[in-house]
Amino acid sequence: GKQRELVAAITSGGSTMYADSVKGRFTISRDNNRNTVYLQMDSL
């Protein structure tokens, strides 16, 4: 029942941003060699 919202983003250079609601709890990372992005979610 809600709109899709941006949680976290990461640039090719590794800069990150987070929604205020997840800041300090979620961590976004990427492995460019494997073309993979991760989202570590703690304190859910």
Full PDB file with SEQRES, HELIX, SHEET, SSBOND, CRYST1, ORIGX, SCALE, CONECT and MASTER records, all heavy atoms in Angstrom:
SEQRES   1 A   44  GLY LYS GLN ARG GLU LEU VAL ALA ALA ILE THR SER GLY          
SEQRES   2 A   44  GLY SER THR MET TYR ALA ASP SER VAL LYS GLY ARG PHE          
SEQRES   3 A   44  THR ILE SER ARG ASP ASN ASN ARG ASN THR VAL TYR LEU          
SEQRES   4 A   44  GLN MET ASP SER LEU                                          
SHEET    1 AA1 2 ALA A   8  ILE A  10  0                                        
SHEET    2 AA1 2 THR A  16  TYR A  18 -1                                        
SHEET    1 AA2 2 PHE A  26  ASP A  31  0                                        
SHEET    2 AA2 2 THR A  36  MET A  41 -1                                        
CRYST1    1.000    1.000    1.000  90.00  90.00  90.00 P 1           1          
ORIGX1      1.000000  0.000000  0.000000        0.00000                         
ORIGX2      0.000000  1.000000  0.000000        0.00000                         
ORIGX3      0.000000  0.000000  1.000000        0.00000                         
SCALE1      1.000000  0.000000  0.000000        0.00000                         
SCALE2      0.000000  1.000000  0.000000        0.00000                         
SCALE3      0.000000  0.000000  1.000000        0.00000                         
ATOM      1  N   GLY A   1       0.778  -1.226   0.000  1.00  0.00           N  
ATOM      2  CA  GLY A   1       0.000   0.000   0.000  1.00  0.00           C  
ATOM      3  C   GLY A   1       0.808   1.275   0.000  1.00  0.00           C  
ATOM      4  O   GLY A   1       0.233   2.362   0.125  1.00  0.00           O  
ATOM      5  N   LYS A   2       2.122   1.181  -0.144  1.00  0.00           N  
ATOM      6  CA  LYS A   2       2.969   2.360  -0.118  1.00  0.00           C  
ATOM      7  C   LYS A   2       3.768   2.495  -1.405  1.00  0.00           C  
ATOM      8  O   LYS A   2       3.899   1.553  -2.184  1.00  0.00           O  
ATOM      9  CB  LYS A   2       3.920   2.318   1.084  1.00  0.00           C  
ATOM     10  CG  LYS A   2       3.223   2.370   2.429  1.00  0.00           C  
ATOM     11  CD  LYS A   2       4.222   2.443   3.570  1.00  0.00           C  
ATOM     12  CE  LYS A   2       3.521   2.553   4.907  1.00  0.00           C  
ATOM     13  NZ  LYS A   2       4.495   2.632   6.026  1.00  0.00           N  
ATOM     14  N   GLN A   3       4.305   3.686  -1.608  1.00  0.00           N  
ATOM     15  CA  GLN A   3       5.139   3.954  -2.761  1.00  0.00           C  
ATOM     16  C   GLN A   3       6.515   3.318  -2.599  1.00  0.00           C  
ATOM     17  O   GLN A   3       7.001   3.130  -1.480  1.00  0.00           O  
ATOM     18  CB  GLN A   3       5.302   5.464  -2.960  1.00  0.00           C  
ATOM     19  CG  GLN A   3       4.036   6.193  -3.373  1.00  0.00           C  
ATOM     20  CD  GLN A   3       3.695   5.949  -4.812  1.00  0.00           C  
ATOM     21  OE1 GLN A   3       2.757   5.212  -5.120  1.00  0.00           O  
ATOM     22  NE2 GLN A   3       4.453   6.550  -5.721  1.00  0.00           N  
ATOM     23  N   ARG A   4       7.138   2.996  -3.711  1.00  0.00           N  
ATOM     24  CA  ARG A   4       8.503   2.518  -3.679  1.00  0.00           C  
ATOM     25  C   ARG A   4       9.427   3.670  -3.295  1.00  0.00           C  
ATOM     26  O   ARG A   4       9.309   4.779  -3.824  1.00  0.00           O  
ATOM     27  CB  ARG A   4       8.900   1.949  -5.041  1.00  0.00           C  
ATOM     28  CG  ARG A   4      10.246   1.259  -5.063  1.00  0.00           C  
ATOM     29  CD  ARG A   4      10.503   0.575  -6.405  1.00  0.00           C  
ATOM     30  NE  ARG A   4       9.528  -0.458  -6.688  1.00  0.00           N  
ATOM     31  CZ  ARG A   4       9.580  -1.269  -7.731  1.00  0.00           C  
ATOM     32  NH1 ARG A   4      10.590  -1.181  -8.597  1.00  0.00           N  
ATOM     33  NH2 ARG A   4       8.636  -2.177  -7.916  1.00  0.00           N  
ATOM     34  N   GLU A   5      10.333   3.414  -2.376  1.00  0.00           N  
ATOM     35  CA  GLU A   5      11.220   4.456  -1.897  1.00  0.00           C  
ATOM     36  C   GLU A   5      12.675   4.023  -1.977  1.00  0.00           C  
ATOM     37  O   GLU A   5      13.007   2.849  -1.819  1.00  0.00           O  
ATOM     38  CB  GLU A   5      10.881   4.841  -0.449  1.00  0.00           C  
ATOM     39  CG  GLU A   5      11.092   3.723   0.558  1.00  0.00           C  
ATOM     40  CD  GLU A   5      10.883   4.163   1.997  1.00  0.00           C  
ATOM     41  OE1 GLU A   5      10.849   5.381   2.257  1.00  0.00           O  
ATOM     42  OE2 GLU A   5      10.761   3.277   2.873  1.00  0.00           O  
ATOM     43  N   LEU A   6      13.527   4.996  -2.204  1.00  0.00           N  
ATOM     44  CA  LEU A   6      14.960   4.748  -2.237  1.00  0.00           C  
ATOM     45  C   LEU A   6      15.471   4.543  -0.819  1.00  0.00           C  
ATOM     46  O   LEU A   6      15.231   5.367   0.059  1.00  0.00           O  
ATOM     47  CB  LEU A   6      15.688   5.912  -2.903  1.00  0.00           C  
ATOM     48  CG  LEU A   6      17.213   5.827  -2.954  1.00  0.00           C  
ATOM     49  CD1 LEU A   6      17.662   4.652  -3.812  1.00  0.00           C  
ATOM     50  CD2 LEU A   6      17.799   7.134  -3.493  1.00  0.00           C  
ATOM     51  N   VAL A   7      16.193   3.458  -0.612  1.00  0.00           N  
ATOM     52  CA  VAL A   7      16.747   3.132   0.690  1.00  0.00           C  
ATOM     53  C   VAL A   7      18.216   3.518   0.778  1.00  0.00           C  
ATOM     54  O   VAL A   7      18.659   4.127   1.757  1.00  0.00           O  
ATOM     55  CB  VAL A   7      16.578   1.630   1.006  1.00  0.00           C  
ATOM     56  CG1 VAL A   7      17.266   1.264   2.317  1.00  0.00           C  
ATOM     57  CG2 VAL A   7      15.103   1.270   1.055  1.00  0.00           C  
ATOM     58  N   ALA A   8      18.984   3.139  -0.227  1.00  0.00           N  
ATOM     59  CA  ALA A   8      20.411   3.404  -0.242  1.00  0.00           C  
ATOM     60  C   ALA A   8      20.912   3.389  -1.670  1.00  0.00           C  
ATOM     61  O   ALA A   8      20.345   2.713  -2.532  1.00  0.00           O  
ATOM     62  CB  ALA A   8      21.176   2.371   0.594  1.00  0.00           C  
ATOM     63  N   ALA A   9      21.966   4.127  -1.926  1.00  0.00           N  
ATOM     64  CA  ALA A   9      22.564   4.173  -3.252  1.00  0.00           C  
ATOM     65  C   ALA A   9      24.068   4.278  -3.132  1.00  0.00           C  
ATOM     66  O   ALA A   9      24.593   4.781  -2.127  1.00  0.00           O  
ATOM     67  CB  ALA A   9      22.012   5.352  -4.060  1.00  0.00           C  
ATOM     68  N   ILE A  10      24.754   3.812  -4.166  1.00  0.00           N  
ATOM     69  CA  ILE A  10      26.209   3.869  -4.192  1.00  0.00           C  
ATOM     70  C   ILE A  10      26.661   4.151  -5.613  1.00  0.00           C  
ATOM     71  O   ILE A  10      26.158   3.577  -6.572  1.00  0.00           O  
ATOM     72  CB  ILE A  10      26.825   2.553  -3.648  1.00  0.00           C  
ATOM     73  CG1 ILE A  10      28.352   2.659  -3.557  1.00  0.00           C  
ATOM     74  CG2 ILE A  10      26.397   1.355  -4.488  1.00  0.00           C  
ATOM     75  CD1 ILE A  10      28.980   1.525  -2.761  1.00  0.00           C  
ATOM     76  N   THR A  11      27.595   5.069  -5.752  1.00  0.00           N  
ATOM     77  CA  THR A  11      28.114   5.423  -7.059  1.00  0.00           C  
ATOM     78  C   THR A  11      29.240   4.488  -7.451  1.00  0.00           C  
ATOM     79  O   THR A  11      29.724   3.683  -6.652  1.00  0.00           O  
ATOM     80  CB  THR A  11      28.629   6.869  -7.074  1.00  0.00           C  
ATOM     81  OG1 THR A  11      29.819   6.961  -6.267  1.00  0.00           O  
ATOM     82  CG2 THR A  11      27.582   7.834  -6.541  1.00  0.00           C  
ATOM     83  N   SER A  12      29.672   4.593  -8.700  1.00  0.00           N  
ATOM     84  CA  SER A  12      30.781   3.779  -9.167  1.00  0.00           C  
ATOM     85  C   SER A  12      32.060   4.085  -8.399  1.00  0.00           C  
ATOM     86  O   SER A  12      32.942   3.229  -8.295  1.00  0.00           O  
ATOM     87  CB  SER A  12      31.008   3.988 -10.664  1.00  0.00           C  
ATOM     88  OG  SER A  12      31.296   5.344 -10.958  1.00  0.00           O  
ATOM     89  N   GLY A  13      32.155   5.296  -7.861  1.00  0.00           N  
ATOM     90  CA  GLY A  13      33.312   5.683  -7.084  1.00  0.00           C  
ATOM     91  C   GLY A  13      33.237   5.310  -5.622  1.00  0.00           C  
ATOM     92  O   GLY A  13      34.193   5.531  -4.877  1.00  0.00           O  
ATOM     93  N   GLY A  14      32.094   4.769  -5.190  1.00  0.00           N  
ATOM     94  CA  GLY A  14      31.959   4.316  -3.822  1.00  0.00           C  
ATOM     95  C   GLY A  14      31.263   5.275  -2.881  1.00  0.00           C  
ATOM     96  O   GLY A  14      31.122   4.968  -1.689  1.00  0.00           O  
ATOM     97  N   SER A  15      30.810   6.421  -3.371  1.00  0.00           N  
ATOM     98  CA  SER A  15      30.059   7.333  -2.524  1.00  0.00           C  
ATOM     99  C   SER A  15      28.686   6.753  -2.228  1.00  0.00           C  
ATOM    100  O   SER A  15      28.046   6.174  -3.102  1.00  0.00           O  
ATOM    101  CB  SER A  15      29.915   8.699  -3.196  1.00  0.00           C  
ATOM    102  OG  SER A  15      31.179   9.300  -3.388  1.00  0.00           O  
ATOM    103  N   THR A  16      28.225   6.907  -1.001  1.00  0.00           N  
ATOM    104  CA  THR A  16      26.954   6.315  -0.588  1.00  0.00           C  
ATOM    105  C   THR A  16      26.005   7.365  -0.045  1.00  0.00           C  
ATOM    106  O   THR A  16      26.411   8.443   0.390  1.00  0.00           O  
ATOM    107  CB  THR A  16      27.171   5.239   0.485  1.00  0.00           C  
ATOM    108  OG1 THR A  16      27.800   5.832   1.633  1.00  0.00           O  
ATOM    109  CG2 THR A  16      28.058   4.124  -0.038  1.00  0.00           C  
ATOM    110  N   MET A  17      24.719   7.027  -0.080  1.00  0.00           N  
ATOM    111  CA  MET A  17      23.692   7.818   0.555  1.00  0.00           C  
ATOM    112  C   MET A  17      22.638   6.876   1.112  1.00  0.00           C  
ATOM    113  O   MET A  17      22.470   5.763   0.613  1.00  0.00           O  
ATOM    114  CB  MET A  17      23.066   8.828  -0.415  1.00  0.00           C  
ATOM    115  CG  MET A  17      22.312   8.228  -1.597  1.00  0.00           C  
ATOM    116  SD  MET A  17      20.615   7.688  -1.210  1.00  0.00           S  
ATOM    117  CE  MET A  17      19.863   9.243  -0.734  1.00  0.00           C  
ATOM    118  N   TYR A  18      21.944   7.332   2.157  1.00  0.00           N  
ATOM    119  CA  TYR A  18      20.943   6.510   2.823  1.00  0.00           C  
ATOM    120  C   TYR A  18      19.720   7.329   3.162  1.00  0.00           C  
ATOM    121  O   TYR A  18      19.819   8.522   3.457  1.00  0.00           O  
ATOM    122  CB  TYR A  18      21.498   5.909   4.118  1.00  0.00           C  
ATOM    123  CG  TYR A  18      22.695   5.012   3.926  1.00  0.00           C  
ATOM    124  CD1 TYR A  18      23.988   5.512   3.993  1.00  0.00           C  
ATOM    125  CD2 TYR A  18      22.533   3.653   3.675  1.00  0.00           C  
ATOM    126  CE1 TYR A  18      25.085   4.692   3.814  1.00  0.00           C  
ATOM    127  CE2 TYR A  18      23.618   2.822   3.496  1.00  0.00           C  
ATOM    128  CZ  TYR A  18      24.897   3.347   3.570  1.00  0.00           C  
ATOM    129  OH  TYR A  18      25.984   2.527   3.391  1.00  0.00           O  
ATOM    130  N   ALA A  19      18.584   6.679   3.122  1.00  0.00           N  
ATOM    131  CA  ALA A  19      17.379   7.293   3.635  1.00  0.00           C  
ATOM    132  C   ALA A  19      17.524   7.480   5.140  1.00  0.00           C  
ATOM    133  O   ALA A  19      18.168   6.676   5.824  1.00  0.00           O  
ATOM    134  CB  ALA A  19      16.158   6.428   3.327  1.00  0.00           C  
ATOM    135  N   ASP A  20      16.930   8.547   5.658  1.00  0.00           N  
ATOM    136  CA  ASP A  20      17.042   8.825   7.085  1.00  0.00           C  
ATOM    137  C   ASP A  20      16.542   7.663   7.942  1.00  0.00           C  
ATOM    138  O   ASP A  20      17.067   7.408   9.033  1.00  0.00           O  
ATOM    139  CB  ASP A  20      16.268  10.091   7.438  1.00  0.00           C  
ATOM    140  CG  ASP A  20      16.943  11.349   6.930  1.00  0.00           C  
ATOM    141  OD1 ASP A  20      18.157  11.309   6.638  1.00  0.00           O  
ATOM    142  OD2 ASP A  20      16.256  12.384   6.826  1.00  0.00           O  
ATOM    143  N   SER A  21      15.550   6.945   7.455  1.00  0.00           N  
ATOM    144  CA  SER A  21      14.945   5.872   8.228  1.00  0.00           C  
ATOM    145  C   SER A  21      15.863   4.672   8.439  1.00  0.00           C  
ATOM    146  O   SER A  21      15.616   3.860   9.338  1.00  0.00           O  
ATOM    147  CB  SER A  21      13.646   5.410   7.565  1.00  0.00           C  
ATOM    148  OG  SER A  21      13.892   4.929   6.257  1.00  0.00           O  
ATOM    149  N   VAL A  22      16.914   4.547   7.620  1.00  0.00           N  
ATOM    150  CA  VAL A  22      17.806   3.402   7.731  1.00  0.00           C  
ATOM    151  C   VAL A  22      19.229   3.798   8.073  1.00  0.00           C  
ATOM    152  O   VAL A  22      20.080   2.927   8.280  1.00  0.00           O  
ATOM    153  CB  VAL A  22      17.807   2.557   6.441  1.00  0.00           C  
ATOM    154  CG1 VAL A  22      16.388   2.173   6.060  1.00  0.00           C  
ATOM    155  CG2 VAL A  22      18.492   3.302   5.300  1.00  0.00           C  
ATOM    156  N   LYS A  23      19.496   5.079   8.146  1.00  0.00           N  
ATOM    157  CA  LYS A  23      20.843   5.568   8.411  1.00  0.00           C  
ATOM    158  C   LYS A  23      21.357   5.019   9.739  1.00  0.00           C  
ATOM    159  O   LYS A  23      20.674   5.074  10.759  1.00  0.00           O  
ATOM    160  CB  LYS A  23      20.845   7.095   8.408  1.00  0.00           C  
ATOM    161  CG  LYS A  23      22.210   7.729   8.213  1.00  0.00           C  
ATOM    162  CD  LYS A  23      22.075   9.235   7.951  1.00  0.00           C  
ATOM    163  CE  LYS A  23      21.299   9.504   6.674  1.00  0.00           C  
ATOM    164  NZ  LYS A  23      21.163  10.966   6.395  1.00  0.00           N  
ATOM    165  N   GLY A  24      22.551   4.472   9.699  1.00  0.00           N  
ATOM    166  CA  GLY A  24      23.146   3.887  10.885  1.00  0.00           C  
ATOM    167  C   GLY A  24      22.830   2.422  11.074  1.00  0.00           C  
ATOM    168  O   GLY A  24      23.458   1.763  11.911  1.00  0.00           O  
ATOM    169  N   ARG A  25      21.861   1.899  10.324  1.00  0.00           N  
ATOM    170  CA  ARG A  25      21.474   0.495  10.447  1.00  0.00           C  
ATOM    171  C   ARG A  25      21.796  -0.312   9.196  1.00  0.00           C  
ATOM    172  O   ARG A  25      22.098  -1.498   9.293  1.00  0.00           O  
ATOM    173  CB  ARG A  25      19.977   0.373  10.739  1.00  0.00           C  
ATOM    174  CG  ARG A  25      19.542   1.045  12.032  1.00  0.00           C  
ATOM    175  CD  ARG A  25      18.089   0.722  12.354  1.00  0.00           C  
ATOM    176  NE  ARG A  25      17.171   1.257  11.341  1.00  0.00           N  
ATOM    177  CZ  ARG A  25      16.329   0.528  10.620  1.00  0.00           C  
ATOM    178  NH1 ARG A  25      16.278  -0.792  10.805  1.00  0.00           N  
ATOM    179  NH2 ARG A  25      15.526   1.095   9.737  1.00  0.00           N  
ATOM    180  N   PHE A  26      21.711   0.320   8.030  1.00  0.00           N  
ATOM    181  CA  PHE A  26      21.951  -0.356   6.763  1.00  0.00           C  
ATOM    182  C   PHE A  26      23.275   0.113   6.172  1.00  0.00           C  
ATOM    183  O   PHE A  26      23.673   1.267   6.346  1.00  0.00           O  
ATOM    184  CB  PHE A  26      20.841  -0.059   5.753  1.00  0.00           C  
ATOM    185  CG  PHE A  26      19.506  -0.659   6.077  1.00  0.00           C  
ATOM    186  CD1 PHE A  26      19.256  -1.276   7.297  1.00  0.00           C  
ATOM    187  CD2 PHE A  26      18.484  -0.602   5.148  1.00  0.00           C  
ATOM    188  CE1 PHE A  26      18.016  -1.827   7.589  1.00  0.00           C  
ATOM    189  CE2 PHE A  26      17.237  -1.146   5.420  1.00  0.00           C  
ATOM    190  CZ  PHE A  26      17.001  -1.755   6.639  1.00  0.00           C  
ATOM    191  N   THR A  27      23.932  -0.777   5.444  1.00  0.00           N  
ATOM    192  CA  THR A  27      25.170  -0.454   4.761  1.00  0.00           C  
ATOM    193  C   THR A  27      25.133  -1.003   3.347  1.00  0.00           C  
ATOM    194  O   THR A  27      24.924  -2.203   3.148  1.00  0.00           O  
ATOM    195  CB  THR A  27      26.391  -1.027   5.493  1.00  0.00           C  
ATOM    196  OG1 THR A  27      26.418  -0.557   6.845  1.00  0.00           O  
ATOM    197  CG2 THR A  27      27.676  -0.592   4.795  1.00  0.00           C  
ATOM    198  N   ILE A  28      25.326  -0.130   2.372  1.00  0.00           N  
ATOM    199  CA  ILE A  28      25.375  -0.559   0.980  1.00  0.00           C  
ATOM    200  C   ILE A  28      26.829  -0.670   0.544  1.00  0.00           C  
ATOM    201  O   ILE A  28      27.669   0.136   0.936  1.00  0.00           O  
ATOM    202  CB  ILE A  28      24.589   0.406   0.065  1.00  0.00           C  
ATOM    203  CG1 ILE A  28      24.479  -0.157  -1.353  1.00  0.00           C  
ATOM    204  CG2 ILE A  28      25.213   1.798   0.054  1.00  0.00           C  
ATOM    205  CD1 ILE A  28      23.530   0.634  -2.247  1.00  0.00           C  
ATOM    206  N   SER A  29      27.127  -1.675  -0.252  1.00  0.00           N  
ATOM    207  CA  SER A  29      28.470  -1.868  -0.768  1.00  0.00           C  
ATOM    208  C   SER A  29      28.380  -2.529  -2.136  1.00  0.00           C  
ATOM    209  O   SER A  29      27.313  -2.997  -2.545  1.00  0.00           O  
ATOM    210  CB  SER A  29      29.317  -2.716   0.188  1.00  0.00           C  
ATOM    211  OG  SER A  29      28.758  -4.004   0.356  1.00  0.00           O  
ATOM    212  N   ARG A  30      29.493  -2.560  -2.837  1.00  0.00           N  
ATOM    213  CA  ARG A  30      29.489  -3.175  -4.158  1.00  0.00           C  
ATOM    214  C   ARG A  30      30.816  -3.842  -4.444  1.00  0.00           C  
ATOM    215  O   ARG A  30      31.861  -3.459  -3.908  1.00  0.00           O  
ATOM    216  CB  ARG A  30      29.173  -2.141  -5.248  1.00  0.00           C  
ATOM    217  CG  ARG A  30      30.170  -0.998  -5.357  1.00  0.00           C  
ATOM    218  CD  ARG A  30      29.649   0.100  -6.290  1.00  0.00           C  
ATOM    219  NE  ARG A  30      29.629  -0.323  -7.684  1.00  0.00           N  
ATOM    220  CZ  ARG A  30      29.041   0.355  -8.671  1.00  0.00           C  
ATOM    221  NH1 ARG A  30      28.396   1.487  -8.400  1.00  0.00           N  
ATOM    222  NH2 ARG A  30      29.077  -0.101  -9.912  1.00  0.00           N  
ATOM    223  N   ASP A  31      30.763  -4.843  -5.293  1.00  0.00           N  
ATOM    224  CA  ASP A  31      31.935  -5.543  -5.778  1.00  0.00           C  
ATOM    225  C   ASP A  31      31.920  -5.387  -7.292  1.00  0.00           C  
ATOM    226  O   ASP A  31      31.173  -6.072  -7.983  1.00  0.00           O  
ATOM    227  CB  ASP A  31      31.902  -7.020  -5.376  1.00  0.00           C  
ATOM    228  CG  ASP A  31      33.162  -7.765  -5.769  1.00  0.00           C  
ATOM    229  OD1 ASP A  31      33.873  -7.321  -6.697  1.00  0.00           O  
ATOM    230  OD2 ASP A  31      33.449  -8.808  -5.149  1.00  0.00           O  
ATOM    231  N   ASN A  32      32.721  -4.474  -7.790  1.00  0.00           N  
ATOM    232  CA  ASN A  32      32.704  -4.174  -9.215  1.00  0.00           C  
ATOM    233  C   ASN A  32      33.192  -5.341 -10.074  1.00  0.00           C  
ATOM    234  O   ASN A  32      32.772  -5.491 -11.222  1.00  0.00           O  
ATOM    235  CB  ASN A  32      33.547  -2.930  -9.499  1.00  0.00           C  
ATOM    236  CG  ASN A  32      32.929  -1.667  -8.934  1.00  0.00           C  
ATOM    237  OD1 ASN A  32      31.703  -1.570  -8.812  1.00  0.00           O  
ATOM    238  ND2 ASN A  32      33.755  -0.691  -8.597  1.00  0.00           N  
ATOM    239  N   ASN A  33      34.080  -6.165  -9.521  1.00  0.00           N  
ATOM    240  CA  ASN A  33      34.575  -7.309 -10.278  1.00  0.00           C  
ATOM    241  C   ASN A  33      33.498  -8.360 -10.491  1.00  0.00           C  
ATOM    242  O   ASN A  33      33.552  -9.125 -11.456  1.00  0.00           O  
ATOM    243  CB  ASN A  33      35.779  -7.939  -9.576  1.00  0.00           C  
ATOM    244  CG  ASN A  33      36.972  -7.012  -9.502  1.00  0.00           C  
ATOM    245  OD1 ASN A  33      37.536  -6.782  -8.427  1.00  0.00           O  
ATOM    246  ND2 ASN A  33      37.373  -6.465 -10.642  1.00  0.00           N  
ATOM    247  N   ARG A  34      32.538  -8.408  -9.596  1.00  0.00           N  
ATOM    248  CA  ARG A  34      31.464  -9.387  -9.678  1.00  0.00           C  
ATOM    249  C   ARG A  34      30.138  -8.768 -10.095  1.00  0.00           C  
ATOM    250  O   ARG A  34      29.126  -9.467 -10.135  1.00  0.00           O  
ATOM    251  CB  ARG A  34      31.299 -10.109  -8.342  1.00  0.00           C  
ATOM    252  CG  ARG A  34      32.539 -10.883  -7.915  1.00  0.00           C  
ATOM    253  CD  ARG A  34      32.353 -11.552  -6.569  1.00  0.00           C  
ATOM    254  NE  ARG A  34      33.540 -12.298  -6.175  1.00  0.00           N  
ATOM    255  CZ  ARG A  34      33.664 -12.964  -5.035  1.00  0.00           C  
ATOM    256  NH1 ARG A  34      32.675 -12.976  -4.158  1.00  0.00           N  
ATOM    257  NH2 ARG A  34      34.787 -13.611  -4.764  1.00  0.00           N  
ATOM    258  N   ASN A  35      30.141  -7.472 -10.401  1.00  0.00           N  
ATOM    259  CA  ASN A  35      28.921  -6.762 -10.786  1.00  0.00           C  
ATOM    260  C   ASN A  35      27.799  -6.999  -9.779  1.00  0.00           C  
ATOM    261  O   ASN A  35      26.650  -7.265 -10.148  1.00  0.00           O  
ATOM    262  CB  ASN A  35      28.465  -7.183 -12.188  1.00  0.00           C  
ATOM    263  CG  ASN A  35      29.383  -6.662 -13.274  1.00  0.00           C  
ATOM    264  OD1 ASN A  35      29.999  -5.604 -13.138  1.00  0.00           O  
ATOM    265  ND2 ASN A  35      29.479  -7.396 -14.376  1.00  0.00           N  
ATOM    266  N   THR A  36      28.141  -6.876  -8.516  1.00  0.00           N  
ATOM    267  CA  THR A  36      27.207  -7.190  -7.446  1.00  0.00           C  
ATOM    268  C   THR A  36      27.123  -6.041  -6.447  1.00  0.00           C  
ATOM    269  O   THR A  36      28.141  -5.434  -6.102  1.00  0.00           O  
ATOM    270  CB  THR A  36      27.618  -8.477  -6.718  1.00  0.00           C  
ATOM    271  OG1 THR A  36      27.654  -9.561  -7.657  1.00  0.00           O  
ATOM    272  CG2 THR A  36      26.639  -8.819  -5.613  1.00  0.00           C  
ATOM    273  N   VAL A  37      25.912  -5.766  -5.992  1.00  0.00           N  
ATOM    274  CA  VAL A  37      25.686  -4.791  -4.945  1.00  0.00           C  
ATOM    275  C   VAL A  37      25.062  -5.504  -3.754  1.00  0.00           C  
ATOM    276  O   VAL A  37      24.274  -6.440  -3.921  1.00  0.00           O  
ATOM    277  CB  VAL A  37      24.795  -3.624  -5.432  1.00  0.00           C  
ATOM    278  CG1 VAL A  37      23.413  -4.120  -5.840  1.00  0.00           C  
ATOM    279  CG2 VAL A  37      24.691  -2.543  -4.365  1.00  0.00           C  
ATOM    280  N   TYR A  38      25.431  -5.076  -2.555  1.00  0.00           N  
ATOM    281  CA  TYR A  38      24.957  -5.695  -1.329  1.00  0.00           C  
ATOM    282  C   TYR A  38      24.258  -4.661  -0.457  1.00  0.00           C  
ATOM    283  O   TYR A  38      24.526  -3.465  -0.528  1.00  0.00           O  
ATOM    284  CB  TYR A  38      26.110  -6.296  -0.528  1.00  0.00           C  
ATOM    285  CG  TYR A  38      26.957  -7.277  -1.298  1.00  0.00           C  
ATOM    286  CD1 TYR A  38      28.109  -6.860  -1.966  1.00  0.00           C  
ATOM    287  CD2 TYR A  38      26.620  -8.622  -1.361  1.00  0.00           C  
ATOM    288  CE1 TYR A  38      28.889  -7.750  -2.669  1.00  0.00           C  
ATOM    289  CE2 TYR A  38      27.394  -9.521  -2.064  1.00  0.00           C  
ATOM    290  CZ  TYR A  38      28.532  -9.083  -2.717  1.00  0.00           C  
ATOM    291  OH  TYR A  38      29.299  -9.985  -3.415  1.00  0.00           O  
ATOM    292  N   LEU A  39      23.376  -5.138   0.379  1.00  0.00           N  
ATOM    293  CA  LEU A  39      22.764  -4.310   1.399  1.00  0.00           C  
ATOM    294  C   LEU A  39      22.773  -5.083   2.702  1.00  0.00           C  
ATOM    295  O   LEU A  39      22.020  -6.046   2.863  1.00  0.00           O  
ATOM    296  CB  LEU A  39      21.334  -3.909   1.024  1.00  0.00           C  
ATOM    297  CG  LEU A  39      20.675  -2.914   1.987  1.00  0.00           C  
ATOM    298  CD1 LEU A  39      21.383  -1.559   1.925  1.00  0.00           C  
ATOM    299  CD2 LEU A  39      19.189  -2.755   1.669  1.00  0.00           C  
ATOM    300  N   GLN A  40      23.637  -4.672   3.612  1.00  0.00           N  
ATOM    301  CA  GLN A  40      23.683  -5.255   4.938  1.00  0.00           C  
ATOM    302  C   GLN A  40      22.694  -4.519   5.819  1.00  0.00           C  
ATOM    303  O   GLN A  40      22.794  -3.303   5.983  1.00  0.00           O  
ATOM    304  CB  GLN A  40      25.092  -5.151   5.528  1.00  0.00           C  
ATOM    305  CG  GLN A  40      25.233  -5.688   6.942  1.00  0.00           C  
ATOM    306  CD  GLN A  40      25.028  -7.177   7.028  1.00  0.00           C  
ATOM    307  OE1 GLN A  40      25.517  -7.915   6.170  1.00  0.00           O  
ATOM    308  NE2 GLN A  40      24.311  -7.628   8.045  1.00  0.00           N  
ATOM    309  N   MET A  41      21.738  -5.241   6.365  1.00  0.00           N  
ATOM    310  CA  MET A  41      20.682  -4.651   7.169  1.00  0.00           C  
ATOM    311  C   MET A  41      20.788  -5.181   8.593  1.00  0.00           C  
ATOM    312  O   MET A  41      20.616  -6.376   8.832  1.00  0.00           O  
ATOM    313  CB  MET A  41      19.308  -4.962   6.577  1.00  0.00           C  
ATOM    314  CG  MET A  41      19.148  -4.523   5.131  1.00  0.00           C  
ATOM    315  SD  MET A  41      17.476  -4.791   4.492  1.00  0.00           S  
ATOM    316  CE  MET A  41      17.414  -6.590   4.533  1.00  0.00           C  
ATOM    317  N   ASP A  42      21.063  -4.287   9.516  1.00  0.00           N  
ATOM    318  CA  ASP A  42      21.174  -4.629  10.926  1.00  0.00           C  
ATOM    319  C   ASP A  42      20.089  -3.916  11.718  1.00  0.00           C  
ATOM    320  O   ASP A  42      19.499  -2.947  11.257  1.00  0.00           O  
ATOM    321  CB  ASP A  42      22.554  -4.244  11.464  1.00  0.00           C  
ATOM    322  CG  ASP A  42      23.694  -4.954  10.769  1.00  0.00           C  
ATOM    323  OD1 ASP A  42      23.575  -6.167  10.519  1.00  0.00           O  
ATOM    324  OD2 ASP A  42      24.722  -4.293  10.488  1.00  0.00           O  
ATOM    325  N   SER A  43      19.860  -4.395  12.922  1.00  0.00           N  
ATOM    326  CA  SER A  43      18.861  -3.793  13.811  1.00  0.00           C  
ATOM    327  C   SER A  43      17.529  -3.601  13.102  1.00  0.00           C  
ATOM    328  O   SER A  43      16.913  -2.531  13.161  1.00  0.00           O  
ATOM    329  CB  SER A  43      19.377  -2.457  14.360  1.00  0.00           C  
ATOM    330  OG  SER A  43      20.588  -2.628  15.066  1.00  0.00           O  
ATOM    331  N   LEU A  44      17.082  -4.641  12.436  1.00  0.00           N  
ATOM    332  CA  LEU A  44      15.860  -4.551  11.651  1.00  0.00           C  
ATOM    333  C   LEU A  44      14.641  -4.306  12.527  1.00  0.00           C  
ATOM    334  O   LEU A  44      14.551  -4.803  13.649  1.00  0.00           O  
ATOM    335  CB  LEU A  44      15.668  -5.818  10.830  1.00  0.00           C  
ATOM    336  CG  LEU A  44      16.548  -5.905   9.578  1.00  0.00           C  
ATOM    337  CD1 LEU A  44      16.621  -7.328   9.065  1.00  0.00           C  
ATOM    338  CD2 LEU A  44      16.013  -4.973   8.496  1.00  0.00           C  
TER     339      LEU A  44                                                      
MASTER        0    0    0    0    4    0    0    6  338    1    0    4          
END                                                                             
